[in-house]
Amino acid sequence: IDIVFVWFSASTSTNSVVWTCATKAVANTEDMINPTFNTAQTVADANLATAHTRNEASIASLTLTGLAAGEQLFIRVGRDSTNGSDTLAATAVLVGVEITLRRSI
């Protein structure tokens, strides 16, 4: 599974934003309200120099530890503004995410 973060900022700074994604599979009898997620994966993406311009950042091959057929998959995304690589001192608006699923043939 790959994920693409689509976002923009009103800033003209080319500093970076760090996006995060964590996954968790939940089977029957497991807690769906407070699942323990896998370690978050991150990607830093430089803002474009023109305000309100569409940006994309991607993570290939998300960690799916513990996922089995028939389980519910939770995907948690966010911005890690405390990460040292997140240097954009402005709001970054996450417009959406694109998820790509592959299957073996």
C-alpha atoms as a PDB file:
ATOM      1  CA  ILE A   1       0.000   0.000   0.000  1.00  0.00           C
ATOM      2  CA  ASP A   2       1.280   3.454  -0.934  1.00  0.00           C
ATOM      3  CA  ILE A   3      -0.061   6.795   0.276  1.00  0.00           C
ATOM      4  CA  VAL A   4       0.097  10.251  -1.318  1.00  0.00           C
ATOM      5  CA  PHE A   5      -0.590  13.369   0.765  1.00  0.00           C
ATOM      6  CA  VAL A   6      -2.146  16.244  -1.217  1.00  0.00           C
ATOM      7  CA  TRP A   7      -1.734  19.599   0.513  1.00  0.00           C
ATOM      8  CA  PHE A   8      -1.183  23.348   0.176  1.00  0.00           C
ATOM      9  CA  SER A   9      -0.094  26.361   2.191  1.00  0.00           C
ATOM     10  CA  ALA A  10      -0.684  30.105   1.957  1.00  0.00           C
ATOM     11  CA  SER A  11       3.045  30.538   2.596  1.00  0.00           C
ATOM     12  CA  THR A  12       5.608  31.255  -0.133  1.00  0.00           C
ATOM     13  CA  SER A  13       8.400  29.694   1.948  1.00  0.00           C
ATOM     14  CA  THR A  14      10.050  26.603   0.479  1.00  0.00           C
ATOM     15  CA  ASN A  15      10.578  25.081   3.920  1.00  0.00           C
ATOM     16  CA  SER A  16       9.326  21.562   4.534  1.00  0.00           C
ATOM     17  CA  VAL A  17       6.327  19.932   6.178  1.00  0.00           C
ATOM     18  CA  VAL A  18       6.529  16.428   7.689  1.00  0.00           C
ATOM     19  CA  TRP A  19       3.491  14.211   7.109  1.00  0.00           C
ATOM     20  CA  THR A  20       2.932  10.988   9.060  1.00  0.00           C
ATOM     21  CA  CYS A  21       1.012   7.788   8.468  1.00  0.00           C
ATOM     22  CA  ALA A  22       0.456   4.932  10.911  1.00  0.00           C
ATOM     23  CA  THR A  23      -1.533   1.739  10.327  1.00  0.00           C
ATOM     24  CA  LYS A  24      -3.298  -0.776  12.530  1.00  0.00           C
ATOM     25  CA  ALA A  25      -5.234  -3.927  11.718  1.00  0.00           C
ATOM     26  CA  VAL A  26      -8.077  -4.942  14.026  1.00  0.00           C
ATOM     27  CA  ALA A  27      -9.503  -8.453  14.106  1.00  0.00           C
ATOM     28  CA  ASN A  28     -12.622  -9.773  15.818  1.00  0.00           C
ATOM     29  CA  THR A  29     -12.368  -9.416  19.621  1.00  0.00           C
ATOM     30  CA  GLU A  30      -9.799  -6.571  19.339  1.00  0.00           C
ATOM     31  CA  ASP A  31     -10.328  -2.979  20.517  1.00  0.00           C
ATOM     32  CA  MET A  32     -11.659  -0.745  17.708  1.00  0.00           C
ATOM     33  CA  ILE A  33     -11.923   2.419  19.815  1.00  0.00           C
ATOM     34  CA  ASN A  34      -8.324   2.633  21.029  1.00  0.00           C
ATOM     35  CA  PRO A  35      -6.116   0.515  18.741  1.00  0.00           C
ATOM     36  CA  THR A  36      -2.332   0.470  19.157  1.00  0.00           C
ATOM     37  CA  PHE A  37      -0.914   1.696  15.859  1.00  0.00           C
ATOM     38  CA  ASN A  38       2.301   0.565  14.191  1.00  0.00           C
ATOM     39  CA  THR A  39       5.158   3.080  14.348  1.00  0.00           C
ATOM     40  CA  ALA A  40       4.328   6.068  12.172  1.00  0.00           C
ATOM     41  CA  GLN A  41       6.164   6.494   8.904  1.00  0.00           C
ATOM     42  CA  THR A  42       7.069  10.016   7.810  1.00  0.00           C
ATOM     43  CA  VAL A  43       7.843  12.020   4.699  1.00  0.00           C
ATOM     44  CA  ALA A  44       9.213  15.567   4.498  1.00  0.00           C
ATOM     45  CA  ASP A  45       8.006  17.675   1.577  1.00  0.00           C
ATOM     46  CA  ALA A  46       9.171  21.167   0.609  1.00  0.00           C
ATOM     47  CA  ASN A  47       6.450  23.754   0.123  1.00  0.00           C
ATOM     48  CA  LEU A  48       6.305  25.326  -3.317  1.00  0.00           C
ATOM     49  CA  ALA A  49       7.250  29.023  -3.555  1.00  0.00           C
ATOM     50  CA  THR A  50       3.817  30.068  -4.830  1.00  0.00           C
ATOM     51  CA  ALA A  51       1.034  30.372  -2.249  1.00  0.00           C
ATOM     52  CA  HIS A  52      -1.960  28.025  -2.493  1.00  0.00           C
ATOM     53  CA  THR A  53      -0.145  25.680  -4.901  1.00  0.00           C
ATOM     54  CA  ARG A  54      -0.930  21.956  -4.845  1.00  0.00           C
ATOM     55  CA  ASN A  55       1.840  19.868  -3.229  1.00  0.00           C
ATOM     56  CA  GLU A  56       2.236  16.083  -3.141  1.00  0.00           C
ATOM     57  CA  ALA A  57       4.269  13.910  -0.789  1.00  0.00           C
ATOM     58  CA  SER A  58       4.277  10.115  -0.829  1.00  0.00           C
ATOM     59  CA  ILE A  59       5.248   7.095   1.219  1.00  0.00           C
ATOM     60  CA  ALA A  60       5.710   3.809  -0.635  1.00  0.00           C
ATOM     61  CA  SER A  61       5.146   0.433   1.001  1.00  0.00           C
ATOM     62  CA  LEU A  62       3.377   1.312   4.239  1.00  0.00           C
ATOM     63  CA  THR A  63       4.111  -0.883   7.233  1.00  0.00           C
ATOM     64  CA  LEU A  64       1.208  -3.305   7.655  1.00  0.00           C
ATOM     65  CA  THR A  65       2.529  -5.394  10.539  1.00  0.00           C
ATOM     66  CA  GLY A  66      -0.203  -7.615  11.929  1.00  0.00           C
ATOM     67  CA  LEU A  67      -2.610  -7.270   8.981  1.00  0.00           C
ATOM     68  CA  ALA A  68      -4.435 -10.434   7.919  1.00  0.00           C
ATOM     69  CA  ALA A  69      -7.291 -11.120   5.533  1.00  0.00           C
ATOM     70  CA  GLY A  70     -10.689 -10.097   6.874  1.00  0.00           C
ATOM     71  CA  GLU A  71      -9.393  -7.533   9.373  1.00  0.00           C
ATOM     72  CA  GLN A  72     -10.341  -3.853   9.609  1.00  0.00           C
ATOM     73  CA  LEU A  73      -7.475  -1.550   8.551  1.00  0.00           C
ATOM     74  CA  PHE A  74      -7.135   1.831  10.241  1.00  0.00           C
ATOM     75  CA  ILE A  75      -4.909   4.496   8.698  1.00  0.00           C
ATOM     76  CA  ARG A  76      -3.993   7.553  10.788  1.00  0.00           C
ATOM     77  CA  VAL A  77      -2.440  10.559   9.048  1.00  0.00           C
ATOM     78  CA  GLY A  78      -1.200  13.882  10.357  1.00  0.00           C
ATOM     79  CA  ARG A  79       1.498  16.531  10.419  1.00  0.00           C
ATOM     80  CA  ASP A  80       4.468  16.173  12.755  1.00  0.00           C
ATOM     81  CA  SER A  81       5.255  19.829  13.410  1.00  0.00           C
ATOM     82  CA  THR A  82       7.617  18.826  16.252  1.00  0.00           C
ATOM     83  CA  ASN A  83       9.888  16.919  13.839  1.00  0.00           C
ATOM     84  CA  GLY A  84      13.174  18.772  13.236  1.00  0.00           C
ATOM     85  CA  SER A  85      12.642  18.446   9.473  1.00  0.00           C
ATOM     86  CA  ASP A  86       9.277  20.276   9.669  1.00  0.00           C
ATOM     87  CA  THR A  87      10.491  23.851   9.204  1.00  0.00           C
ATOM     88  CA  LEU A  88       7.467  25.486   7.537  1.00  0.00           C
ATOM     89  CA  ALA A  89       6.289  28.102  10.037  1.00  0.00           C
ATOM     90  CA  ALA A  90       2.822  28.247   8.505  1.00  0.00           C
ATOM     91  CA  THR A  91      -0.385  26.268   8.281  1.00  0.00           C
ATOM     92  CA  ALA A  92      -0.285  23.332   5.888  1.00  0.00           C
ATOM     93  CA  VAL A  93      -3.750  22.259   4.740  1.00  0.00           C
ATOM     94  CA  LEU A  94      -4.151  18.546   4.016  1.00  0.00           C
ATOM     95  CA  VAL A  95      -6.651  18.363   1.160  1.00  0.00           C
ATOM     96  CA  GLY A  96      -6.758  14.578   0.992  1.00  0.00           C
ATOM     97  CA  VAL A  97      -4.844  11.344   0.650  1.00  0.00           C
ATOM     98  CA  GLU A  98      -4.619   8.894  -2.211  1.00  0.00           C
ATOM     99  CA  ILE A  99      -4.184   5.218  -1.290  1.00  0.00           C
ATOM    100  CA  THR A 100      -2.839   2.725  -3.817  1.00  0.00           C
ATOM    101  CA  LEU A 101      -3.442  -0.982  -3.143  1.00  0.00           C
ATOM    102  CA  ARG A 102      -1.573  -3.615  -5.131  1.00  0.00           C
ATOM    103  CA  ARG A 103      -2.259  -7.291  -5.437  1.00  0.00           C
ATOM    104  CA  SER A 104      -0.063 -10.134  -6.562  1.00  0.00           C
ATOM    105  CA  ILE A 105      -1.036 -11.853  -9.768  1.00  0.00           C
END
